[in-house]
Amino acid sequence: MKNKNRNPAITIMKRELGAYFTSPVAYIVTGLFLVITGLLVFSVFFLQNRAELRYYFTYLPILLSFVVPALTMRTFAEERRVGSMETLMTLPVTETQVVTGKFLASFIGTLVMLAPTLLYIIPAEVFGSPDYGPIIGGFVGAIFLCASFTAIGIFATSITNNQIIAFFTGFVICIVLTMLDSFLIFLPGSIVSFLNFISANAHFTSIARGIIDSRDLLYFISLTALFFTLTVKCQQNAKN
């Protein structure tokens, strides 16, 4: 017997996942991501003769700043463009349920993209003796980073009906948060600590060292919650 009281957010999530896995964009972006990360990993193995994943995790935030907004750019923008968003919002669902369903689907999509990179551990083990602390920390940090960037990407696509604008908006926000700590040496000490605190890369790097600090996890949870809430507010304003 089917459950008629199924959470609408789960129904929306399943619908979005179905659309995600039939979209050529998702496969193109995922393929590009895996090619680039593969080059990063194996260039270290064979050109620098080092069996480690540090190089991969160093550039991962920059790569995710590009690929996550590319994966999320159609989420709301396409529905606004074709007019199906208005139909969806006339159903007995809340804005929070809609955003939750779309966020979960996009987040799962990013994890599916990230999952094959776990296989990079195998050559690292074959060709050397890797330190698993930073490897575990790196993948844990990557999960939290994907959640935050997914929330940012969802927010960006909720404020426009143009996928290209949604992509660039999400990309700019993600890359700024990623690159902030790169410019700290040029800034006065009075604002360095603040910028370091809001830098996504600084918190990710801390986790990727193998030391999982609750403050770093709280940062990513707060960042995700902030942009999730902003997206809900955007949908409520659009409905009104």
Protein backbone atom coordinates (compact mmCIF):
# COMPACT_ATOMS: atom_id res chain seq x y z
CA MET A 1 0.00 0.00 0.00
CA LYS A 2 1.43 3.36 -1.01
CA ASN A 3 2.07 6.00 1.62
CA LYS A 4 -0.18 8.94 0.73
CA ASN A 5 1.43 11.08 3.42
CA ARG A 6 4.87 10.99 1.87
CA ASN A 7 6.85 14.16 2.50
CA PRO A 8 6.56 16.44 -0.57
CA ALA A 9 10.26 17.31 -0.21
CA ILE A 10 11.17 13.66 -0.86
CA THR A 11 8.88 13.55 -3.89
CA ILE A 12 10.49 16.71 -5.28
CA MET A 13 13.94 15.31 -4.54
CA LYS A 14 13.19 12.13 -6.51
CA ARG A 15 11.81 14.14 -9.41
CA GLU A 16 14.90 16.34 -9.45
CA LEU A 17 17.23 13.35 -9.28
CA GLY A 18 15.44 11.84 -12.25
CA ALA A 19 15.95 15.06 -14.21
CA TYR A 20 19.56 15.27 -13.03
CA PHE A 21 20.54 11.80 -14.24
CA THR A 22 18.93 12.35 -17.64
CA SER A 23 20.68 15.69 -18.17
CA PRO A 24 23.75 15.66 -20.45
CA VAL A 25 25.10 18.68 -18.55
CA ALA A 26 25.50 16.59 -15.40
CA TYR A 27 27.51 13.92 -17.23
CA ILE A 28 29.65 16.49 -19.06
CA VAL A 29 30.46 18.41 -15.87
CA THR A 30 31.13 15.21 -13.91
CA GLY A 31 33.35 13.84 -16.68
CA LEU A 32 35.31 17.10 -16.84
CA PHE A 33 35.70 17.10 -13.06
CA LEU A 34 37.04 13.53 -13.02
CA VAL A 35 39.47 14.20 -15.88
CA ILE A 36 40.93 17.25 -14.14
CA THR A 37 41.17 15.59 -10.73
CA GLY A 38 42.71 12.52 -12.34
CA LEU A 39 45.38 14.67 -13.95
CA LEU A 40 46.10 16.34 -10.61
CA VAL A 41 46.44 13.04 -8.79
CA PHE A 42 48.44 11.07 -11.33
CA SER A 43 50.76 13.95 -12.21
CA VAL A 44 51.93 13.81 -8.60
CA PHE A 45 52.26 10.02 -8.72
CA PHE A 46 54.25 9.74 -11.93
CA LEU A 47 55.89 13.15 -12.50
CA GLN A 48 56.77 14.06 -8.92
CA ASN A 49 57.08 10.48 -7.66
CA ARG A 50 54.89 11.12 -4.61
CA ALA A 51 52.01 8.83 -3.68
CA GLU A 52 49.67 11.28 -1.95
CA LEU A 53 46.40 13.13 -2.45
CA ARG A 54 47.47 16.47 -0.99
CA TYR A 55 47.67 18.11 -4.43
CA TYR A 56 44.14 16.94 -5.20
CA PHE A 57 42.71 18.38 -1.98
CA THR A 58 44.63 21.65 -2.47
CA TYR A 59 42.81 22.40 -5.71
CA LEU A 60 39.49 20.73 -4.87
CA PRO A 61 37.79 23.89 -3.47
CA ILE A 62 38.62 25.78 -6.69
CA LEU A 63 37.25 22.96 -8.84
CA LEU A 64 34.08 22.71 -6.76
CA SER A 65 33.61 26.48 -7.05
CA PHE A 66 33.21 25.90 -10.78
CA VAL A 67 31.45 22.53 -11.09
CA VAL A 68 28.85 22.81 -8.30
CA PRO A 69 27.25 26.02 -9.69
CA ALA A 70 27.31 24.34 -13.12
CA LEU A 71 25.35 21.40 -11.72
CA THR A 72 22.83 23.56 -9.85
CA MET A 73 22.31 26.38 -12.37
CA ARG A 74 19.15 24.87 -13.90
CA THR A 75 17.43 23.94 -10.63
CA PHE A 76 15.13 26.95 -10.29
CA ALA A 77 16.14 29.01 -13.33
CA GLU A 78 14.87 26.47 -15.87
CA GLU A 79 11.54 26.06 -14.11
CA ARG A 80 11.11 29.83 -13.99
CA ARG A 81 11.97 30.09 -17.69
CA VAL A 82 9.43 27.50 -18.85
CA GLY A 83 6.79 28.57 -16.32
CA SER A 84 6.56 25.28 -14.42
CA MET A 85 7.66 26.94 -11.19
CA GLU A 86 4.32 28.70 -10.90
CA THR A 87 2.53 25.37 -11.36
CA LEU A 88 4.68 23.72 -8.69
CA MET A 89 3.97 26.46 -6.16
CA THR A 90 0.19 26.08 -6.65
CA LEU A 91 0.44 22.53 -5.27
CA PRO A 92 0.02 21.85 -1.53
CA VAL A 93 3.73 22.31 -0.78
CA THR A 94 5.60 24.95 1.16
CA GLU A 95 8.56 26.94 -0.11
CA THR A 96 10.74 25.17 2.47
CA GLN A 97 9.72 21.76 1.15
CA VAL A 98 10.46 22.80 -2.44
CA VAL A 99 13.88 24.16 -1.54
CA THR A 100 14.64 21.12 0.63
CA GLY A 101 13.79 18.70 -2.18
CA LYS A 102 15.85 20.58 -4.74
CA PHE A 103 18.76 21.07 -2.35
CA LEU A 104 18.90 17.37 -1.41
CA ALA A 105 18.78 16.28 -5.06
CA SER A 106 21.59 18.66 -6.03
CA PHE A 107 23.66 17.71 -2.98
CA ILE A 108 23.30 14.01 -3.78
CA GLY A 109 24.33 14.82 -7.35
CA THR A 110 27.55 16.45 -6.16
CA LEU A 111 28.31 13.47 -3.92
CA VAL A 112 27.78 11.11 -6.87
CA MET A 113 30.29 13.22 -8.81
CA LEU A 114 32.73 13.14 -5.89
CA ALA A 115 32.39 9.41 -5.12
CA PRO A 116 34.65 8.05 -7.91
CA THR A 117 37.56 10.09 -6.55
CA LEU A 118 37.61 7.71 -3.58
CA LEU A 119 39.31 5.30 -6.00
CA TYR A 120 42.36 7.55 -5.98
CA ILE A 121 43.16 6.03 -2.59
CA ILE A 122 43.98 2.72 -4.33
CA PRO A 123 47.01 3.93 -6.36
CA ALA A 124 48.11 5.98 -3.35
CA GLU A 125 48.19 2.76 -1.33
CA VAL A 126 49.82 0.77 -4.16
CA PHE A 127 52.60 3.26 -4.86
CA GLY A 128 53.25 4.46 -1.32
CA SER A 129 52.19 4.55 2.31
CA PRO A 130 49.69 7.42 2.56
CA ASP A 131 48.70 9.08 5.82
CA TYR A 132 45.00 8.29 6.12
CA GLY A 133 44.29 11.11 8.58
CA PRO A 134 44.50 13.87 5.94
CA ILE A 135 42.76 11.63 3.37
CA ILE A 136 39.76 11.02 5.63
CA GLY A 137 39.75 14.67 6.68
CA GLY A 138 39.93 15.77 3.05
CA PHE A 139 36.90 13.74 2.02
CA VAL A 140 34.93 14.78 5.12
CA GLY A 141 35.75 18.40 4.34
CA ALA A 142 34.76 17.86 0.71
CA ILE A 143 31.30 16.65 1.76
CA PHE A 144 30.71 19.74 3.89
CA LEU A 145 32.13 21.97 1.15
CA CYS A 146 29.77 20.39 -1.40
CA ALA A 147 26.82 21.05 0.91
CA SER A 148 27.74 24.72 1.30
CA PHE A 149 28.44 25.30 -2.40
CA THR A 150 25.22 23.47 -3.31
CA ALA A 151 23.25 25.85 -1.06
CA ILE A 152 25.02 28.79 -2.71
CA GLY A 153 24.29 27.41 -6.18
CA ILE A 154 20.63 26.83 -5.30
CA PHE A 155 20.38 30.40 -4.04
CA ALA A 156 21.95 31.76 -7.23
CA THR A 157 19.52 29.89 -9.47
CA SER A 158 16.54 31.00 -7.36
CA ILE A 159 17.04 34.68 -8.13
CA THR A 160 17.03 34.48 -11.93
CA ASN A 161 15.45 32.63 -14.84
CA ASN A 162 18.71 32.64 -16.78
CA GLN A 163 20.95 29.60 -16.23
CA ILE A 164 24.12 31.42 -17.33
CA ILE A 165 23.53 34.25 -14.86
CA ALA A 166 22.77 31.65 -12.17
CA PHE A 167 26.04 29.87 -12.91
CA PHE A 168 28.18 33.00 -12.80
CA THR A 169 26.47 34.29 -9.65
CA GLY A 170 27.08 31.00 -7.85
CA PHE A 171 30.62 30.75 -9.20
CA VAL A 172 31.56 34.27 -8.07
CA ILE A 173 30.27 33.70 -4.53
CA CYS A 174 32.01 30.31 -4.25
CA ILE A 175 35.33 31.43 -5.73
CA VAL A 176 35.44 34.55 -3.53
CA LEU A 177 34.90 32.43 -0.42
CA THR A 178 37.57 30.03 -1.72
CA MET A 179 40.22 32.61 -2.62
CA LEU A 180 39.82 34.98 0.34
CA ASP A 181 42.68 33.48 2.33
CA SER A 182 45.03 33.79 -0.66
CA PHE A 183 45.10 37.57 -0.24
CA LEU A 184 45.52 37.73 3.53
CA ILE A 185 49.25 38.50 3.32
CA PHE A 186 48.47 41.77 1.51
CA LEU A 187 45.98 43.00 4.07
CA PRO A 188 46.37 44.70 7.44
CA GLY A 189 46.33 42.40 10.45
CA SER A 190 43.16 43.97 11.85
CA ILE A 191 40.97 42.34 9.20
CA VAL A 192 43.01 39.19 8.51
CA SER A 193 41.38 37.18 11.28
CA PHE A 194 37.87 38.10 10.10
CA LEU A 195 38.55 37.23 6.47
CA ASN A 196 40.25 34.01 7.51
CA PHE A 197 37.15 33.12 9.49
CA ILE A 198 34.80 33.58 6.52
CA SER A 199 37.15 31.85 4.05
CA ALA A 200 35.76 28.47 2.99
CA ASN A 201 39.20 27.34 1.85
CA ALA A 202 40.76 28.09 5.25
CA HIS A 203 38.22 25.88 7.03
CA PHE A 204 38.46 23.15 4.39
CA THR A 205 42.27 23.15 4.60
CA SER A 206 42.05 22.83 8.37
CA ILE A 207 39.84 19.73 8.08
CA ALA A 208 41.99 18.30 5.27
CA ARG A 209 44.99 18.26 7.60
CA GLY A 210 43.26 15.42 9.42
CA ILE A 211 42.19 17.45 12.44
CA ILE A 212 38.40 17.74 12.38
CA ASP A 213 37.54 20.78 14.50
CA SER A 214 33.89 21.39 15.41
CA ARG A 215 34.39 25.09 14.60
CA ASP A 216 35.21 24.25 10.99
CA LEU A 217 32.17 21.98 10.71
CA LEU A 218 29.98 24.65 12.31
CA TYR A 219 31.22 27.15 9.71
CA PHE A 220 30.07 24.96 6.82
CA ILE A 221 26.78 24.11 8.52
CA SER A 222 26.12 27.82 9.14
CA LEU A 223 27.06 28.75 5.55
CA THR A 224 24.74 26.07 4.19
CA ALA A 225 21.90 27.15 6.49
CA LEU A 226 22.38 30.82 5.56
CA PHE A 227 22.03 30.33 1.82
CA PHE A 228 19.29 27.72 2.26
CA THR A 229 17.29 30.27 4.28
CA LEU A 230 17.95 33.01 1.72
CA THR A 231 16.62 30.71 -1.01
CA VAL A 232 13.45 30.01 0.96
CA LYS A 233 12.96 33.75 1.48
CA CYS A 234 13.43 34.36 -2.25
CA GLN A 235 10.75 31.80 -3.07
CA GLN A 236 8.36 33.28 -0.51
CA ASN A 237 8.89 36.78 -1.94
CA ALA A 238 8.40 35.52 -5.49
CA LYS A 239 5.14 33.85 -4.49
CA ASN A 240 3.87 37.02 -2.90
